[in-house]
Amino acid sequence: MDGAEATFDGDTSVKLNSGDRIVISRAEQKTKLIRTKNTSFLEILREKMNR
């Protein structure tokens, strides 16, 4: 696996090495997500940072 990486939430990125594993599991807690507009949180954050 040369040059592979995993991206989380479309923002945080981690480089992967040969032999690395990604384990995905269900959390015990549940959460509710809301969407305030058709704009993602990251888009809003980027817009504010560019002001």
PDB file of N, CA and C in Angstrom:
ATOM      1  N   MET A   1       0.837  -1.184   0.000  1.00  0.00           N
ATOM      2  CA  MET A   1       0.000   0.000   0.000  1.00  0.00           C
ATOM      3  C   MET A   1       0.877   1.240   0.000  1.00  0.00           C
ATOM      4  N   ASP A   2       1.330   1.652  -1.111  1.00  0.00           N
ATOM      5  CA  ASP A   2       2.201   2.810  -1.197  1.00  0.00           C
ATOM      6  C   ASP A   2       1.388   4.068  -1.436  1.00  0.00           C
ATOM      7  N   GLY A   3       1.517   5.054  -0.543  1.00  0.00           N
ATOM      8  CA  GLY A   3       0.840   6.322  -0.720  1.00  0.00           C
ATOM      9  C   GLY A   3      -0.640   6.314  -0.392  1.00  0.00           C
ATOM     10  N   ALA A   4      -1.125   5.320   0.362  1.00  0.00           N
ATOM     11  CA  ALA A   4      -2.546   5.266   0.711  1.00  0.00           C
ATOM     12  C   ALA A   4      -2.818   6.114   1.945  1.00  0.00           C
ATOM     13  N   GLU A   5      -4.014   6.660   2.010  1.00  0.00           N
ATOM     14  CA  GLU A   5      -4.426   7.383   3.209  1.00  0.00           C
ATOM     15  C   GLU A   5      -5.924   7.265   3.397  1.00  0.00           C
ATOM     16  N   ALA A   6      -6.356   7.456   4.634  1.00  0.00           N
ATOM     17  CA  ALA A   6      -7.775   7.424   4.976  1.00  0.00           C
ATOM     18  C   ALA A   6      -8.195   8.833   5.370  1.00  0.00           C
ATOM     19  N   THR A   7      -9.384   9.230   4.962  1.00  0.00           N
ATOM     20  CA  THR A   7      -9.912  10.549   5.287  1.00  0.00           C
ATOM     21  C   THR A   7     -11.180  10.392   6.106  1.00  0.00           C
ATOM     22  N   PHE A   8     -11.281  11.140   7.194  1.00  0.00           N
ATOM     23  CA  PHE A   8     -12.423  11.080   8.098  1.00  0.00           C
ATOM     24  C   PHE A   8     -13.151  12.411   8.090  1.00  0.00           C
ATOM     25  N   ASP A   9     -14.437  12.371   7.984  1.00  0.00           N
ATOM     26  CA  ASP A   9     -15.276  13.577   7.969  1.00  0.00           C
ATOM     27  C   ASP A   9     -14.923  14.515   6.822  1.00  0.00           C
ATOM     28  N   GLY A  10     -14.274  14.005   5.798  1.00  0.00           N
ATOM     29  CA  GLY A  10     -13.922  14.820   4.654  1.00  0.00           C
ATOM     30  C   GLY A  10     -12.849  15.847   4.951  1.00  0.00           C
ATOM     31  N   ASP A  11     -12.219  15.768   6.141  1.00  0.00           N
ATOM     32  CA  ASP A  11     -11.260  16.793   6.516  1.00  0.00           C
ATOM     33  C   ASP A  11      -9.976  16.194   7.072  1.00  0.00           C
ATOM     34  N   THR A  12     -10.068  15.352   8.101  1.00  0.00           N
ATOM     35  CA  THR A  12      -8.903  14.767   8.749  1.00  0.00           C
ATOM     36  C   THR A  12      -8.375  13.611   7.916  1.00  0.00           C
ATOM     37  N   SER A  13      -7.083  13.604   7.656  1.00  0.00           N
ATOM     38  CA  SER A  13      -6.474  12.590   6.815  1.00  0.00           C
ATOM     39  C   SER A  13      -5.334  11.911   7.567  1.00  0.00           C
ATOM     40  N   VAL A  14      -5.217  10.588   7.402  1.00  0.00           N
ATOM     41  CA  VAL A  14      -4.169   9.810   8.052  1.00  0.00           C
ATOM     42  C   VAL A  14      -3.476   8.956   7.003  1.00  0.00           C
ATOM     43  N   LYS A  15      -2.142   9.015   6.970  1.00  0.00           N
ATOM     44  CA  LYS A  15      -1.395   8.170   6.032  1.00  0.00           C
ATOM     45  C   LYS A  15      -1.393   6.736   6.543  1.00  0.00           C
ATOM     46  N   LEU A  16      -1.540   5.795   5.622  1.00  0.00           N
ATOM     47  CA  LEU A  16      -1.554   4.380   5.974  1.00  0.00           C
ATOM     48  C   LEU A  16      -0.272   3.720   5.497  1.00  0.00           C
ATOM     49  N   ASN A  17       0.220   2.822   6.304  1.00  0.00           N
ATOM     50  CA  ASN A  17       1.400   2.037   5.967  1.00  0.00           C
ATOM     51  C   ASN A  17       0.993   0.603   5.679  1.00  0.00           C
ATOM     52  N   SER A  18       1.844  -0.122   5.000  1.00  0.00           N
ATOM     53  CA  SER A  18       1.591  -1.528   4.716  1.00  0.00           C
ATOM     54  C   SER A  18       1.350  -2.264   6.031  1.00  0.00           C
ATOM     55  N   GLY A  19       0.270  -3.022   6.108  1.00  0.00           N
ATOM     56  CA  GLY A  19      -0.080  -3.764   7.325  1.00  0.00           C
ATOM     57  C   GLY A  19      -1.033  -3.027   8.242  1.00  0.00           C
ATOM     58  N   ASP A  20      -1.259  -1.716   8.015  1.00  0.00           N
ATOM     59  CA  ASP A  20      -2.234  -0.976   8.833  1.00  0.00           C
ATOM     60  C   ASP A  20      -3.629  -1.521   8.591  1.00  0.00           C
ATOM     61  N   ARG A  21      -4.458  -1.416   9.605  1.00  0.00           N
ATOM     62  CA  ARG A  21      -5.854  -1.860   9.491  1.00  0.00           C
ATOM     63  C   ARG A  21      -6.775  -0.738   9.926  1.00  0.00           C
ATOM     64  N   ILE A  22      -7.942  -0.668   9.308  1.00  0.00           N
ATOM     65  CA  ILE A  22      -8.996   0.257   9.711  1.00  0.00           C
ATOM     66  C   ILE A  22     -10.142  -0.592  10.239  1.00  0.00           C
ATOM     67  N   VAL A  23     -10.520  -0.358  11.497  1.00  0.00           N
ATOM     68  CA  VAL A  23     -11.604  -1.112  12.122  1.00  0.00           C
ATOM     69  C   VAL A  23     -12.787  -0.169  12.306  1.00  0.00           C
ATOM     70  N   ILE A  24     -13.930  -0.553  11.770  1.00  0.00           N
ATOM     71  CA  ILE A  24     -15.154   0.250  11.883  1.00  0.00           C
ATOM     72  C   ILE A  24     -16.144  -0.531  12.730  1.00  0.00           C
ATOM     73  N   SER A  25     -16.686   0.129  13.751  1.00  0.00           N
ATOM     74  CA  SER A  25     -17.662  -0.545  14.607  1.00  0.00           C
ATOM     75  C   SER A  25     -18.764   0.430  14.995  1.00  0.00           C
ATOM     76  N   ARG A  26     -19.862  -0.139  15.426  1.00  0.00           N
ATOM     77  CA  ARG A  26     -21.019   0.666  15.837  1.00  0.00           C
ATOM     78  C   ARG A  26     -20.815   1.151  17.270  1.00  0.00           C
ATOM     79  N   ALA A  27     -21.072   2.427  17.515  1.00  0.00           N
ATOM     80  CA  ALA A  27     -20.955   2.978  18.866  1.00  0.00           C
ATOM     81  C   ALA A  27     -22.130   2.528  19.722  1.00  0.00           C
ATOM     82  N   GLU A  28     -21.925   2.495  21.021  1.00  0.00           N
ATOM     83  CA  GLU A  28     -23.017   2.130  21.926  1.00  0.00           C
ATOM     84  C   GLU A  28     -24.044   3.251  22.013  1.00  0.00           C
ATOM     85  N   GLN A  29     -23.575   4.504  21.917  1.00  0.00           N
ATOM     86  CA  GLN A  29     -24.479   5.649  22.024  1.00  0.00           C
ATOM     87  C   GLN A  29     -25.038   6.009  20.655  1.00  0.00           C
ATOM     88  N   LYS A  30     -26.251   6.518  20.666  1.00  0.00           N
ATOM     89  CA  LYS A  30     -26.866   7.035  19.445  1.00  0.00           C
ATOM     90  C   LYS A  30     -26.839   8.554  19.507  1.00  0.00           C
ATOM     91  N   THR A  31     -26.862   9.165  18.347  1.00  0.00           N
ATOM     92  CA  THR A  31     -26.898  10.625  18.279  1.00  0.00           C
ATOM     93  C   THR A  31     -27.847  11.058  17.173  1.00  0.00           C
ATOM     94  N   LYS A  32     -28.336  12.265  17.290  1.00  0.00           N
ATOM     95  CA  LYS A  32     -29.185  12.830  16.249  1.00  0.00           C
ATOM     96  C   LYS A  32     -28.396  13.926  15.551  1.00  0.00           C
ATOM     97  N   LEU A  33     -28.457  13.934  14.242  1.00  0.00           N
ATOM     98  CA  LEU A  33     -27.769  14.943  13.462  1.00  0.00           C
ATOM     99  C   LEU A  33     -28.786  15.895  12.863  1.00  0.00           C
ATOM    100  N   ILE A  34     -28.413  17.158  12.792  1.00  0.00           N
ATOM    101  CA  ILE A  34     -29.300  18.146  12.176  1.00  0.00           C
ATOM    102  C   ILE A  34     -28.559  18.818  11.037  1.00  0.00           C
ATOM    103  N   ARG A  35     -29.302  19.290  10.078  1.00  0.00           N
ATOM    104  CA  ARG A  35     -28.731  20.051   8.978  1.00  0.00           C
ATOM    105  C   ARG A  35     -29.425  21.405   8.987  1.00  0.00           C
ATOM    106  N   THR A  36     -28.628  22.465   9.132  1.00  0.00           N
ATOM    107  CA  THR A  36     -29.201  23.797   9.239  1.00  0.00           C
ATOM    108  C   THR A  36     -29.535  24.403   7.876  1.00  0.00           C
ATOM    109  N   LYS A  37     -28.761  24.063   6.870  1.00  0.00           N
ATOM    110  CA  LYS A  37     -28.979  24.568   5.513  1.00  0.00           C
ATOM    111  C   LYS A  37     -28.486  23.505   4.552  1.00  0.00           C
ATOM    112  N   ASN A  38     -28.406  23.837   3.298  1.00  0.00           N
ATOM    113  CA  ASN A  38     -27.817  22.928   2.323  1.00  0.00           C
ATOM    114  C   ASN A  38     -26.305  23.104   2.259  1.00  0.00           C
ATOM    115  N   THR A  39     -25.745  23.807   3.236  1.00  0.00           N
ATOM    116  CA  THR A  39     -24.318  24.047   3.306  1.00  0.00           C
ATOM    117  C   THR A  39     -23.733  23.185   4.410  1.00  0.00           C
ATOM    118  N   SER A  40     -22.618  22.503   4.125  1.00  0.00           N
ATOM    119  CA  SER A  40     -22.009  21.653   5.142  1.00  0.00           C
ATOM    120  C   SER A  40     -21.273  22.496   6.179  1.00  0.00           C
ATOM    121  N   PHE A  41     -21.027  21.890   7.330  1.00  0.00           N
ATOM    122  CA  PHE A  41     -20.288  22.562   8.393  1.00  0.00           C
ATOM    123  C   PHE A  41     -18.916  23.018   7.892  1.00  0.00           C
ATOM    124  N   LEU A  42     -18.235  22.152   7.152  1.00  0.00           N
ATOM    125  CA  LEU A  42     -16.907  22.505   6.655  1.00  0.00           C
ATOM    126  C   LEU A  42     -16.959  23.663   5.673  1.00  0.00           C
ATOM    127  N   GLU A  43     -18.000  23.734   4.848  1.00  0.00           N
ATOM    128  CA  GLU A  43     -18.142  24.863   3.925  1.00  0.00           C
ATOM    129  C   GLU A  43     -18.331  26.163   4.701  1.00  0.00           C
ATOM    130  N   ILE A  44     -19.129  26.137   5.744  1.00  0.00           N
ATOM    131  CA  ILE A  44     -19.355  27.323   6.573  1.00  0.00           C
ATOM    132  C   ILE A  44     -18.053  27.729   7.248  1.00  0.00           C
ATOM    133  N   LEU A  45     -17.325  26.745   7.797  1.00  0.00           N
ATOM    134  CA  LEU A  45     -16.066  27.031   8.471  1.00  0.00           C
ATOM    135  C   LEU A  45     -15.051  27.637   7.501  1.00  0.00           C
ATOM    136  N   ARG A  46     -14.929  27.070   6.316  1.00  0.00           N
ATOM    137  CA  ARG A  46     -13.996  27.608   5.322  1.00  0.00           C
ATOM    138  C   ARG A  46     -14.364  29.027   4.927  1.00  0.00           C
ATOM    139  N   GLU A  47     -15.671  29.281   4.777  1.00  0.00           N
ATOM    140  CA  GLU A  47     -16.128  30.625   4.422  1.00  0.00           C
ATOM    141  C   GLU A  47     -15.743  31.628   5.512  1.00  0.00           C
ATOM    142  N   LYS A  48     -15.941  31.259   6.761  1.00  0.00           N
ATOM    143  CA  LYS A  48     -15.613  32.157   7.870  1.00  0.00           C
ATOM    144  C   LYS A  48     -14.113  32.383   7.987  1.00  0.00           C
ATOM    145  N   MET A  49     -13.320  31.354   7.711  1.00  0.00           N
ATOM    146  CA  MET A  49     -11.864  31.481   7.826  1.00  0.00           C
ATOM    147  C   MET A  49     -11.291  32.352   6.714  1.00  0.00           C
ATOM    148  N   ASN A  50     -11.982  32.471   5.602  1.00  0.00           N
ATOM    149  CA  ASN A  50     -11.491  33.265   4.471  1.00  0.00           C
ATOM    150  C   ASN A  50     -11.915  34.725   4.542  1.00  0.00           C
ATOM    151  N   ARG A  51     -12.635  35.124   5.552  1.00  0.00           N
ATOM    152  CA  ARG A  51     -13.075  36.520   5.679  1.00  0.00           C
ATOM    153  C   ARG A  51     -11.953  37.413   6.106  1.00  0.00           C
TER     154      ARG A  51
END
